[in-house]
Amino acid sequence: EKLAESKPFNQSIGYMDRLDYVSMMCNEHAYVMAIERL
């Protein structure tokens, strides 16, 4: 989370894949949905 706060929004999408590395695209989905709402 702190790494993501030090990078542009679009550079942290790949970090979400690496959280639950068995459910990659679902993690991305939550992150990009948050950006889209803002």
PDB file of all heavy atoms in Angstrom:
ATOM      1  N   GLU A   1       0.830  -1.209   0.000  1.00  0.00           N
ATOM      2  CA  GLU A   1       0.000   0.000   0.000  1.00  0.00           C
ATOM      3  C   GLU A   1       0.864   1.259   0.000  1.00  0.00           C
ATOM      4  O   GLU A   1       0.561   2.238  -0.705  1.00  0.00           O
ATOM      5  CB  GLU A   1      -0.937  -0.030   1.211  1.00  0.00           C
ATOM      6  CG  GLU A   1      -2.038  -1.064   1.044  1.00  0.00           C
ATOM      7  CD  GLU A   1      -2.401  -1.784   2.333  1.00  0.00           C
ATOM      8  OE1 GLU A   1      -1.518  -1.943   3.185  1.00  0.00           O
ATOM      9  OE2 GLU A   1      -3.558  -2.198   2.460  1.00  0.00           O
ATOM     10  N   LYS A   2       1.952   1.249   0.757  1.00  0.00           N
ATOM     11  CA  LYS A   2       2.839   2.418   0.781  1.00  0.00           C
ATOM     12  C   LYS A   2       3.612   2.551  -0.538  1.00  0.00           C
ATOM     13  O   LYS A   2       3.886   3.663  -0.998  1.00  0.00           O
ATOM     14  CB  LYS A   2       3.817   2.317   1.961  1.00  0.00           C
ATOM     15  CG  LYS A   2       3.152   2.547   3.299  1.00  0.00           C
ATOM     16  CD  LYS A   2       2.524   3.943   3.353  1.00  0.00           C
ATOM     17  CE  LYS A   2       1.635   4.123   4.556  1.00  0.00           C
ATOM     18  NZ  LYS A   2       0.825   5.358   4.463  1.00  0.00           N
ATOM     19  N   LEU A   3       3.959   1.425  -1.142  1.00  0.00           N
ATOM     20  CA  LEU A   3       4.601   1.485  -2.467  1.00  0.00           C
ATOM     21  C   LEU A   3       3.667   2.139  -3.476  1.00  0.00           C
ATOM     22  O   LEU A   3       4.088   2.958  -4.302  1.00  0.00           O
ATOM     23  CB  LEU A   3       4.992   0.085  -2.932  1.00  0.00           C
ATOM     24  CG  LEU A   3       6.244  -0.526  -2.307  1.00  0.00           C
ATOM     25  CD1 LEU A   3       6.331  -2.008  -2.654  1.00  0.00           C
ATOM     26  CD2 LEU A   3       7.496   0.192  -2.783  1.00  0.00           C
ATOM     27  N   ALA A   4       2.383   1.771  -3.414  1.00  0.00           N
ATOM     28  CA  ALA A   4       1.405   2.332  -4.359  1.00  0.00           C
ATOM     29  C   ALA A   4       1.238   3.834  -4.161  1.00  0.00           C
ATOM     30  O   ALA A   4       0.958   4.568  -5.115  1.00  0.00           O
ATOM     31  CB  ALA A   4       0.066   1.619  -4.206  1.00  0.00           C
ATOM     32  N   GLU A   5       1.400   4.307  -2.922  1.00  0.00           N
ATOM     33  CA  GLU A   5       1.257   5.741  -2.647  1.00  0.00           C
ATOM     34  C   GLU A   5       2.438   6.554  -3.178  1.00  0.00           C
ATOM     35  O   GLU A   5       2.384   7.785  -3.206  1.00  0.00           O
ATOM     36  CB  GLU A   5       1.105   5.975  -1.139  1.00  0.00           C
ATOM     37  CG  GLU A   5      -0.245   5.502  -0.602  1.00  0.00           C
ATOM     38  CD  GLU A   5      -0.296   5.491   0.919  1.00  0.00           C
ATOM     39  OE1 GLU A   5       0.615   6.086   1.546  1.00  0.00           O
ATOM     40  OE2 GLU A   5      -1.231   4.896   1.477  1.00  0.00           O
ATOM     41  N   SER A   6       3.495   5.867  -3.606  1.00  0.00           N
ATOM     42  CA  SER A   6       4.674   6.572  -4.120  1.00  0.00           C
ATOM     43  C   SER A   6       4.754   6.529  -5.639  1.00  0.00           C
ATOM     44  O   SER A   6       5.724   7.011  -6.216  1.00  0.00           O
ATOM     45  CB  SER A   6       5.945   5.950  -3.526  1.00  0.00           C
ATOM     46  OG  SER A   6       6.138   4.641  -4.030  1.00  0.00           O
ATOM     47  N   LYS A   7       3.740   5.946  -6.299  1.00  0.00           N
ATOM     48  CA  LYS A   7       3.781   5.791  -7.762  1.00  0.00           C
ATOM     49  C   LYS A   7       2.520   6.362  -8.393  1.00  0.00           C
ATOM     50  O   LYS A   7       1.471   6.417  -7.741  1.00  0.00           O
ATOM     51  CB  LYS A   7       3.878   4.300  -8.121  1.00  0.00           C
ATOM     52  CG  LYS A   7       5.138   3.617  -7.627  1.00  0.00           C
ATOM     53  CD  LYS A   7       5.115   2.142  -7.993  1.00  0.00           C
ATOM     54  CE  LYS A   7       6.351   1.444  -7.425  1.00  0.00           C
ATOM     55  NZ  LYS A   7       7.602   1.991  -7.987  1.00  0.00           N
ATOM     56  N   PRO A   8       2.596   6.767  -9.669  1.00  0.00           N
ATOM     57  CA  PRO A   8       1.381   7.183 -10.370  1.00  0.00           C
ATOM     58  C   PRO A   8       0.312   6.090 -10.333  1.00  0.00           C
ATOM     59  O   PRO A   8       0.635   4.900 -10.267  1.00  0.00           O
ATOM     60  CB  PRO A   8       1.866   7.443 -11.800  1.00  0.00           C
ATOM     61  CG  PRO A   8       3.309   7.778 -11.647  1.00  0.00           C
ATOM     62  CD  PRO A   8       3.794   6.951 -10.495  1.00  0.00           C
ATOM     63  N   PHE A   9      -0.955   6.504 -10.390  1.00  0.00           N
ATOM     64  CA  PHE A   9      -2.076   5.569 -10.283  1.00  0.00           C
ATOM     65  C   PHE A   9      -1.925   4.370 -11.218  1.00  0.00           C
ATOM     66  O   PHE A   9      -2.136   3.230 -10.817  1.00  0.00           O
ATOM     67  CB  PHE A   9      -3.395   6.290 -10.595  1.00  0.00           C
ATOM     68  CG  PHE A   9      -3.878   7.177  -9.498  1.00  0.00           C
ATOM     69  CD1 PHE A   9      -3.562   8.533  -9.493  1.00  0.00           C
ATOM     70  CD2 PHE A   9      -4.652   6.675  -8.470  1.00  0.00           C
ATOM     71  CE1 PHE A   9      -4.012   9.366  -8.475  1.00  0.00           C
ATOM     72  CE2 PHE A   9      -5.102   7.495  -7.444  1.00  0.00           C
ATOM     73  CZ  PHE A   9      -4.780   8.849  -7.449  1.00  0.00           C
ATOM     74  N   ASN A  10      -1.555   4.644 -12.472  1.00  0.00           N
ATOM     75  CA  ASN A  10      -1.554   3.559 -13.455  1.00  0.00           C
ATOM     76  C   ASN A  10      -0.352   2.632 -13.333  1.00  0.00           C
ATOM     77  O   ASN A  10      -0.295   1.609 -14.004  1.00  0.00           O
ATOM     78  CB  ASN A  10      -1.658   4.123 -14.886  1.00  0.00           C
ATOM     79  CG  ASN A  10      -0.538   5.080 -15.221  1.00  0.00           C
ATOM     80  OD1 ASN A  10       0.209   5.502 -14.337  1.00  0.00           O
ATOM     81  ND2 ASN A  10      -0.409   5.437 -16.491  1.00  0.00           N
ATOM     82  N   GLN A  11       0.618   2.965 -12.487  1.00  0.00           N
ATOM     83  CA  GLN A  11       1.771   2.076 -12.314  1.00  0.00           C
ATOM     84  C   GLN A  11       1.547   1.024 -11.233  1.00  0.00           C
ATOM     85  O   GLN A  11       2.380   0.139 -11.061  1.00  0.00           O
ATOM     86  CB  GLN A  11       3.025   2.895 -11.982  1.00  0.00           C
ATOM     87  CG  GLN A  11       3.579   3.663 -13.167  1.00  0.00           C
ATOM     88  CD  GLN A  11       4.925   4.310 -12.860  1.00  0.00           C
ATOM     89  OE1 GLN A  11       5.584   3.976 -11.873  1.00  0.00           O
ATOM     90  NE2 GLN A  11       5.341   5.235 -13.706  1.00  0.00           N
ATOM     91  N   SER A  12       0.448   1.126 -10.503  1.00  0.00           N
ATOM     92  CA  SER A  12       0.211   0.189  -9.392  1.00  0.00           C
ATOM     93  C   SER A  12      -0.782  -0.916  -9.739  1.00  0.00           C
ATOM     94  O   SER A  12      -1.082  -1.743  -8.882  1.00  0.00           O
ATOM     95  CB  SER A  12      -0.289   0.954  -8.159  1.00  0.00           C
ATOM     96  OG  SER A  12       0.727   1.809  -7.676  1.00  0.00           O
ATOM     97  N   ILE A  13      -1.288  -0.921 -10.985  1.00  0.00           N
ATOM     98  CA  ILE A  13      -2.244  -1.972 -11.356  1.00  0.00           C
ATOM     99  C   ILE A  13      -1.598  -3.349 -11.208  1.00  0.00           C
ATOM    100  O   ILE A  13      -2.198  -4.283 -10.670  1.00  0.00           O
ATOM    101  CB  ILE A  13      -2.764  -1.761 -12.798  1.00  0.00           C
ATOM    102  CG1 ILE A  13      -3.455  -0.403 -12.913  1.00  0.00           C
ATOM    103  CG2 ILE A  13      -3.722  -2.876 -13.195  1.00  0.00           C
ATOM    104  CD1 ILE A  13      -3.786   0.017 -14.330  1.00  0.00           C
ATOM    105  N   GLY A  14      -0.358  -3.457 -11.645  1.00  0.00           N
ATOM    106  CA  GLY A  14       0.355  -4.738 -11.553  1.00  0.00           C
ATOM    107  C   GLY A  14       0.624  -5.173 -10.125  1.00  0.00           C
ATOM    108  O   GLY A  14       0.740  -6.382  -9.858  1.00  0.00           O
ATOM    109  N   TYR A  15       0.710  -4.214  -9.188  1.00  0.00           N
ATOM    110  CA  TYR A  15       0.882  -4.584  -7.776  1.00  0.00           C
ATOM    111  C   TYR A  15      -0.324  -5.356  -7.270  1.00  0.00           C
ATOM    112  O   TYR A  15      -0.202  -6.231  -6.414  1.00  0.00           O
ATOM    113  CB  TYR A  15       1.085  -3.337  -6.907  1.00  0.00           C
ATOM    114  CG  TYR A  15       2.514  -2.910  -6.764  1.00  0.00           C
ATOM    115  CD1 TYR A  15       2.935  -1.667  -7.211  1.00  0.00           C
ATOM    116  CD2 TYR A  15       3.451  -3.751  -6.172  1.00  0.00           C
ATOM    117  CE1 TYR A  15       4.251  -1.262  -7.082  1.00  0.00           C
ATOM    118  CE2 TYR A  15       4.773  -3.364  -6.044  1.00  0.00           C
ATOM    119  CZ  TYR A  15       5.168  -2.122  -6.496  1.00  0.00           C
ATOM    120  OH  TYR A  15       6.474  -1.738  -6.371  1.00  0.00           O
ATOM    121  N   MET A  16      -1.513  -4.995  -7.765  1.00  0.00           N
ATOM    122  CA  MET A  16      -2.732  -5.672  -7.308  1.00  0.00           C
ATOM    123  C   MET A  16      -2.714  -7.150  -7.709  1.00  0.00           C
ATOM    124  O   MET A  16      -3.185  -8.007  -6.968  1.00  0.00           O
ATOM    125  CB  MET A  16      -3.976  -4.986  -7.877  1.00  0.00           C
ATOM    126  CG  MET A  16      -4.086  -3.517  -7.504  1.00  0.00           C
ATOM    127  SD  MET A  16      -4.155  -3.257  -5.712  1.00  0.00           S
ATOM    128  CE  MET A  16      -2.826  -2.071  -5.486  1.00  0.00           C
ATOM    129  N   ASP A  17      -2.175  -7.445  -8.888  1.00  0.00           N
ATOM    130  CA  ASP A  17      -2.043  -8.845  -9.319  1.00  0.00           C
ATOM    131  C   ASP A  17      -1.242  -9.658  -8.313  1.00  0.00           C
ATOM    132  O   ASP A  17      -1.480 -10.849  -8.124  1.00  0.00           O
ATOM    133  CB  ASP A  17      -1.307  -8.924 -10.664  1.00  0.00           C
ATOM    134  CG  ASP A  17      -2.150  -8.451 -11.830  1.00  0.00           C
ATOM    135  OD1 ASP A  17      -3.285  -8.911 -11.949  1.00  0.00           O
ATOM    136  OD2 ASP A  17      -1.651  -7.630 -12.617  1.00  0.00           O
ATOM    137  N   ARG A  18      -0.269  -9.023  -7.711  1.00  0.00           N
ATOM    138  CA  ARG A  18       0.689  -9.737  -6.868  1.00  0.00           C
ATOM    139  C   ARG A  18       0.200  -9.923  -5.431  1.00  0.00           C
ATOM    140  O   ARG A  18       0.887 -10.566  -4.639  1.00  0.00           O
ATOM    141  CB  ARG A  18       2.038  -8.994  -6.877  1.00  0.00           C
ATOM    142  CG  ARG A  18       2.746  -9.110  -8.209  1.00  0.00           C
ATOM    143  CD  ARG A  18       3.752  -7.993  -8.433  1.00  0.00           C
ATOM    144  NE  ARG A  18       4.511  -8.191  -9.650  1.00  0.00           N
ATOM    145  CZ  ARG A  18       4.078  -7.928 -10.874  1.00  0.00           C
ATOM    146  NH1 ARG A  18       2.852  -7.458 -11.054  1.00  0.00           N
ATOM    147  NH2 ARG A  18       4.849  -8.128 -11.925  1.00  0.00           N
ATOM    148  N   LEU A  19      -0.959  -9.363  -5.098  1.00  0.00           N
ATOM    149  CA  LEU A  19      -1.502  -9.568  -3.751  1.00  0.00           C
ATOM    150  C   LEU A  19      -2.032 -10.997  -3.640  1.00  0.00           C
ATOM    151  O   LEU A  19      -1.404 -11.850  -3.042  1.00  0.00           O
ATOM    152  CB  LEU A  19      -2.593  -8.533  -3.451  1.00  0.00           C
ATOM    153  CG  LEU A  19      -2.113  -7.090  -3.336  1.00  0.00           C
ATOM    154  CD1 LEU A  19      -3.286  -6.148  -3.154  1.00  0.00           C
ATOM    155  CD2 LEU A  19      -1.127  -6.941  -2.181  1.00  0.00           C
ATOM    156  N   ASP A  20      -3.192 -11.227  -4.211  1.00  0.00           N
ATOM    157  CA  ASP A  20      -3.675 -12.611  -4.303  1.00  0.00           C
ATOM    158  C   ASP A  20      -3.291 -13.104  -5.688  1.00  0.00           C
ATOM    159  O   ASP A  20      -3.987 -12.875  -6.659  1.00  0.00           O
ATOM    160  CB  ASP A  20      -5.188 -12.656  -4.104  1.00  0.00           C
ATOM    161  CG  ASP A  20      -5.742 -14.069  -4.257  1.00  0.00           C
ATOM    162  OD1 ASP A  20      -4.952 -14.985  -4.533  1.00  0.00           O
ATOM    163  OD2 ASP A  20      -6.957 -14.252  -4.109  1.00  0.00           O
ATOM    164  N   TYR A  21      -2.152 -13.775  -5.765  1.00  0.00           N
ATOM    165  CA  TYR A  21      -1.597 -14.153  -7.064  1.00  0.00           C
ATOM    166  C   TYR A  21      -2.260 -15.401  -7.647  1.00  0.00           C
ATOM    167  O   TYR A  21      -1.727 -16.024  -8.560  1.00  0.00           O
ATOM    168  CB  TYR A  21      -0.072 -14.339  -6.963  1.00  0.00           C
ATOM    169  CG  TYR A  21       0.405 -14.927  -5.648  1.00  0.00           C
ATOM    170  CD1 TYR A  21       0.320 -16.283  -5.399  1.00  0.00           C
ATOM    171  CD2 TYR A  21       0.898 -14.095  -4.656  1.00  0.00           C
ATOM    172  CE1 TYR A  21       0.737 -16.809  -4.194  1.00  0.00           C
ATOM    173  CE2 TYR A  21       1.320 -14.607  -3.436  1.00  0.00           C
ATOM    174  CZ  TYR A  21       1.232 -15.977  -3.215  1.00  0.00           C
ATOM    175  OH  TYR A  21       1.640 -16.501  -2.009  1.00  0.00           O
ATOM    176  N   VAL A  22      -3.448 -15.752  -7.124  1.00  0.00           N
ATOM    177  CA  VAL A  22      -4.272 -16.790  -7.749  1.00  0.00           C
ATOM    178  C   VAL A  22      -5.550 -16.155  -8.307  1.00  0.00           C
ATOM    179  O   VAL A  22      -6.273 -16.781  -9.056  1.00  0.00           O
ATOM    180  CB  VAL A  22      -4.614 -17.906  -6.733  1.00  0.00           C
ATOM    181  CG1 VAL A  22      -5.267 -19.091  -7.426  1.00  0.00           C
ATOM    182  CG2 VAL A  22      -3.366 -18.378  -5.995  1.00  0.00           C
ATOM    183  N   SER A  23      -5.827 -14.907  -7.947  1.00  0.00           N
ATOM    184  CA  SER A  23      -7.047 -14.215  -8.393  1.00  0.00           C
ATOM    185  C   SER A  23      -6.695 -12.855  -8.982  1.00  0.00           C
ATOM    186  O   SER A  23      -7.229 -11.823  -8.573  1.00  0.00           O
ATOM    187  CB  SER A  23      -8.005 -14.039  -7.206  1.00  0.00           C
ATOM    188  OG  SER A  23      -8.184 -15.235  -6.521  1.00  0.00           O
ATOM    189  N   MET A  24      -5.787 -12.874  -9.950  1.00  0.00           N
ATOM    190  CA  MET A  24      -5.122 -11.654 -10.386  1.00  0.00           C
ATOM    191  C   MET A  24      -6.072 -10.571 -10.898  1.00  0.00           C
ATOM    192  O   MET A  24      -6.074  -9.448 -10.408  1.00  0.00           O
ATOM    193  CB  MET A  24      -4.085 -11.991 -11.464  1.00  0.00           C
ATOM    194  CG  MET A  24      -2.982 -12.918 -10.995  1.00  0.00           C
ATOM    195  SD  MET A  24      -3.475 -14.642 -10.790  1.00  0.00           S
ATOM    196  CE  MET A  24      -3.570 -15.258 -12.439  1.00  0.00           C
ATOM    197  N   MET A  25      -6.897 -10.894 -11.888  1.00  0.00           N
ATOM    198  CA  MET A  25      -7.711  -9.852 -12.523  1.00  0.00           C
ATOM    199  C   MET A  25      -8.795  -9.308 -11.594  1.00  0.00           C
ATOM    200  O   MET A  25      -9.204  -8.154 -11.734  1.00  0.00           O
ATOM    201  CB  MET A  25      -8.316 -10.370 -13.817  1.00  0.00           C
ATOM    202  CG  MET A  25      -7.300 -10.510 -14.939  1.00  0.00           C
ATOM    203  SD  MET A  25      -8.081 -10.706 -16.544  1.00  0.00           S
ATOM    204  CE  MET A  25      -6.701 -11.266 -17.537  1.00  0.00           C
ATOM    205  N   CYS A  26      -9.267 -10.121 -10.646  1.00  0.00           N
ATOM    206  CA  CYS A  26     -10.261  -9.610  -9.688  1.00  0.00           C
ATOM    207  C   CYS A  26      -9.654  -8.508  -8.822  1.00  0.00           C
ATOM    208  O   CYS A  26     -10.326  -7.520  -8.496  1.00  0.00           O
ATOM    209  CB  CYS A  26     -10.788 -10.748  -8.818  1.00  0.00           C
ATOM    210  SG  CYS A  26     -11.855 -11.896  -9.717  1.00  0.00           S
ATOM    211  N   ASN A  27      -8.384  -8.672  -8.431  1.00  0.00           N
ATOM    212  CA  ASN A  27      -7.721  -7.629  -7.641  1.00  0.00           C
ATOM    213  C   ASN A  27      -7.595  -6.343  -8.452  1.00  0.00           C
ATOM    214  O   ASN A  27      -7.855  -5.239  -7.945  1.00  0.00           O
ATOM    215  CB  ASN A  27      -6.323  -8.080  -7.216  1.00  0.00           C
ATOM    216  CG  ASN A  27      -6.337  -9.353  -6.408  1.00  0.00           C
ATOM    217  OD1 ASN A  27      -7.370  -9.789  -5.932  1.00  0.00           O
ATOM    218  ND2 ASN A  27      -5.183  -9.966  -6.251  1.00  0.00           N
ATOM    219  N   GLU A  28      -7.166  -6.496  -9.707  1.00  0.00           N
ATOM    220  CA  GLU A  28      -7.061  -5.328 -10.598  1.00  0.00           C
ATOM    221  C   GLU A  28      -8.400  -4.606 -10.690  1.00  0.00           C
ATOM    222  O   GLU A  28      -8.463  -3.375 -10.721  1.00  0.00           O
ATOM    223  CB  GLU A  28      -6.676  -5.760 -12.017  1.00  0.00           C
ATOM    224  CG  GLU A  28      -5.301  -6.325 -12.196  1.00  0.00           C
ATOM    225  CD  GLU A  28      -5.095  -6.768 -13.640  1.00  0.00           C
ATOM    226  OE1 GLU A  28      -5.867  -6.343 -14.515  1.00  0.00           O
ATOM    227  OE2 GLU A  28      -4.155  -7.536 -13.884  1.00  0.00           O
ATOM    228  N   HIS A  29      -9.464  -5.402 -10.758  1.00  0.00           N
ATOM    229  CA  HIS A  29     -10.790  -4.841 -10.998  1.00  0.00           C
ATOM    230  C   HIS A  29     -11.177  -3.851  -9.898  1.00  0.00           C
ATOM    231  O   HIS A  29     -11.673  -2.752 -10.167  1.00  0.00           O
ATOM    232  CB  HIS A  29     -11.827  -5.970 -11.095  1.00  0.00           C
ATOM    233  CG  HIS A  29     -13.062  -5.573 -11.819  1.00  0.00           C
ATOM    234  ND1 HIS A  29     -14.040  -6.457 -12.209  1.00  0.00           N
ATOM    235  CD2 HIS A  29     -13.508  -4.361 -12.235  1.00  0.00           C
ATOM    236  CE1 HIS A  29     -15.001  -5.819 -12.840  1.00  0.00           C
ATOM    237  NE2 HIS A  29     -14.701  -4.540 -12.862  1.00  0.00           N
ATOM    238  N   ALA A  30     -10.953  -4.244  -8.642  1.00  0.00           N
ATOM    239  CA  ALA A  30     -11.307  -3.352  -7.531  1.00  0.00           C
ATOM    240  C   ALA A  30     -10.504  -2.053  -7.605  1.00  0.00           C
ATOM    241  O   ALA A  30     -11.045  -0.955  -7.396  1.00  0.00           O
ATOM    242  CB  ALA A  30     -11.069  -4.059  -6.195  1.00  0.00           C
ATOM    243  N   TYR A  31      -9.228  -2.163  -7.920  1.00  0.00           N
ATOM    244  CA  TYR A  31      -8.355  -0.980  -7.955  1.00  0.00           C
ATOM    245  C   TYR A  31      -8.757  -0.024  -9.088  1.00  0.00           C
ATOM    246  O   TYR A  31      -8.902   1.192  -8.867  1.00  0.00           O
ATOM    247  CB  TYR A  31      -6.900  -1.419  -8.101  1.00  0.00           C
ATOM    248  CG  TYR A  31      -5.914  -0.276  -8.157  1.00  0.00           C
ATOM    249  CD1 TYR A  31      -5.721   0.554  -7.061  1.00  0.00           C
ATOM    250  CD2 TYR A  31      -5.167  -0.028  -9.305  1.00  0.00           C
ATOM    251  CE1 TYR A  31      -4.817   1.613  -7.106  1.00  0.00           C
ATOM    252  CE2 TYR A  31      -4.264   1.019  -9.361  1.00  0.00           C
ATOM    253  CZ  TYR A  31      -4.092   1.839  -8.266  1.00  0.00           C
ATOM    254  OH  TYR A  31      -3.198   2.876  -8.313  1.00  0.00           O
ATOM    255  N   VAL A  32      -8.951  -0.560 -10.297  1.00  0.00           N
ATOM    256  CA  VAL A  32      -9.304   0.330 -11.411  1.00  0.00           C
ATOM    257  C   VAL A  32     -10.717   0.887 -11.239  1.00  0.00           C
ATOM    258  O   VAL A  32     -10.995   2.023 -11.655  1.00  0.00           O
ATOM    259  CB  VAL A  32      -9.123  -0.343 -12.793  1.00  0.00           C
ATOM    260  CG1 VAL A  32      -7.688  -0.760 -13.013  1.00  0.00           C
ATOM    261  CG2 VAL A  32     -10.059  -1.521 -12.991  1.00  0.00           C
ATOM    262  N   MET A  33     -11.615   0.128 -10.600  1.00  0.00           N
ATOM    263  CA  MET A  33     -12.959   0.654 -10.319  1.00  0.00           C
ATOM    264  C   MET A  33     -12.892   1.856  -9.375  1.00  0.00           C
ATOM    265  O   MET A  33     -13.622   2.838  -9.546  1.00  0.00           O
ATOM    266  CB  MET A  33     -13.845  -0.431  -9.700  1.00  0.00           C
ATOM    267  CG  MET A  33     -14.598  -1.271 -10.717  1.00  0.00           C
ATOM    268  SD  MET A  33     -15.472  -2.669  -9.964  1.00  0.00           S
ATOM    269  CE  MET A  33     -16.409  -1.892  -8.686  1.00  0.00           C
ATOM    270  N   ALA A  34     -11.999   1.792  -8.387  1.00  0.00           N
ATOM    271  CA  ALA A  34     -11.842   2.922  -7.463  1.00  0.00           C
ATOM    272  C   ALA A  34     -11.353   4.160  -8.206  1.00  0.00           C
ATOM    273  O   ALA A  34     -11.868   5.277  -7.994  1.00  0.00           O
ATOM    274  CB  ALA A  34     -10.872   2.542  -6.347  1.00  0.00           C
ATOM    275  N   ILE A  35     -10.380   3.977  -9.104  1.00  0.00           N
ATOM    276  CA  ILE A  35      -9.873   5.110  -9.897  1.00  0.00           C
ATOM    277  C   ILE A  35     -10.977   5.669 -10.785  1.00  0.00           C
ATOM    278  O   ILE A  35     -11.166   6.894 -10.898  1.00  0.00           O
ATOM    279  CB  ILE A  35      -8.656   4.675 -10.738  1.00  0.00           C
ATOM    280  CG1 ILE A  35      -7.505   4.241  -9.837  1.00  0.00           C
ATOM    281  CG2 ILE A  35      -8.200   5.813 -11.659  1.00  0.00           C
ATOM    282  CD1 ILE A  35      -6.342   3.595 -10.574  1.00  0.00           C
ATOM    283  N   GLU A  36     -11.737   4.780 -11.433  1.00  0.00           N
ATOM    284  CA  GLU A  36     -12.816   5.215 -12.332  1.00  0.00           C
ATOM    285  C   GLU A  36     -13.888   6.005 -11.584  1.00  0.00           C
ATOM    286  O   GLU A  36     -14.446   6.965 -12.125  1.00  0.00           O
ATOM    287  CB  GLU A  36     -13.437   3.996 -13.022  1.00  0.00           C
ATOM    288  CG  GLU A  36     -12.552   3.426 -14.111  1.00  0.00           C
ATOM    289  CD  GLU A  36     -12.892   1.990 -14.489  1.00  0.00           C
ATOM    290  OE1 GLU A  36     -13.807   1.404 -13.877  1.00  0.00           O
ATOM    291  OE2 GLU A  36     -12.225   1.447 -15.384  1.00  0.00           O
ATOM    292  N   ARG A  37     -14.174   5.618 -10.354  1.00  0.00           N
ATOM    293  CA  ARG A  37     -15.180   6.354  -9.574  1.00  0.00           C
ATOM    294  C   ARG A  37     -14.697   7.769  -9.255  1.00  0.00           C
ATOM    295  O   ARG A  37     -15.480   8.720  -9.312  1.00  0.00           O
ATOM    296  CB  ARG A  37     -15.506   5.591  -8.295  1.00  0.00           C
ATOM    297  CG  ARG A  37     -16.347   4.362  -8.553  1.00  0.00           C
ATOM    298  CD  ARG A  37     -16.683   3.598  -7.286  1.00  0.00           C
ATOM    299  NE  ARG A  37     -17.378   2.363  -7.603  1.00  0.00           N
ATOM    300  CZ  ARG A  37     -17.760   1.462  -6.694  1.00  0.00           C
ATOM    301  NH1 ARG A  37     -17.514   1.681  -5.405  1.00  0.00           N
ATOM    302  NH2 ARG A  37     -18.378   0.351  -7.063  1.00  0.00           N
ATOM    303  N   LEU A  38     -13.421   7.900  -8.922  1.00  0.00           N
ATOM    304  CA  LEU A  38     -12.888   9.242  -8.658  1.00  0.00           C
ATOM    305  C   LEU A  38     -12.834  10.069  -9.943  1.00  0.00           C
ATOM    306  O   LEU A  38     -13.038  11.285  -9.912  1.00  0.00           O
ATOM    307  CB  LEU A  38     -11.497   9.137  -8.031  1.00  0.00           C
ATOM    308  CG  LEU A  38     -11.443   8.631  -6.585  1.00  0.00           C
ATOM    309  CD1 LEU A  38      -9.998   8.472  -6.130  1.00  0.00           C
ATOM    310  CD2 LEU A  38     -12.186   9.566  -5.637  1.00  0.00           C
TER     311      LEU A  38
END
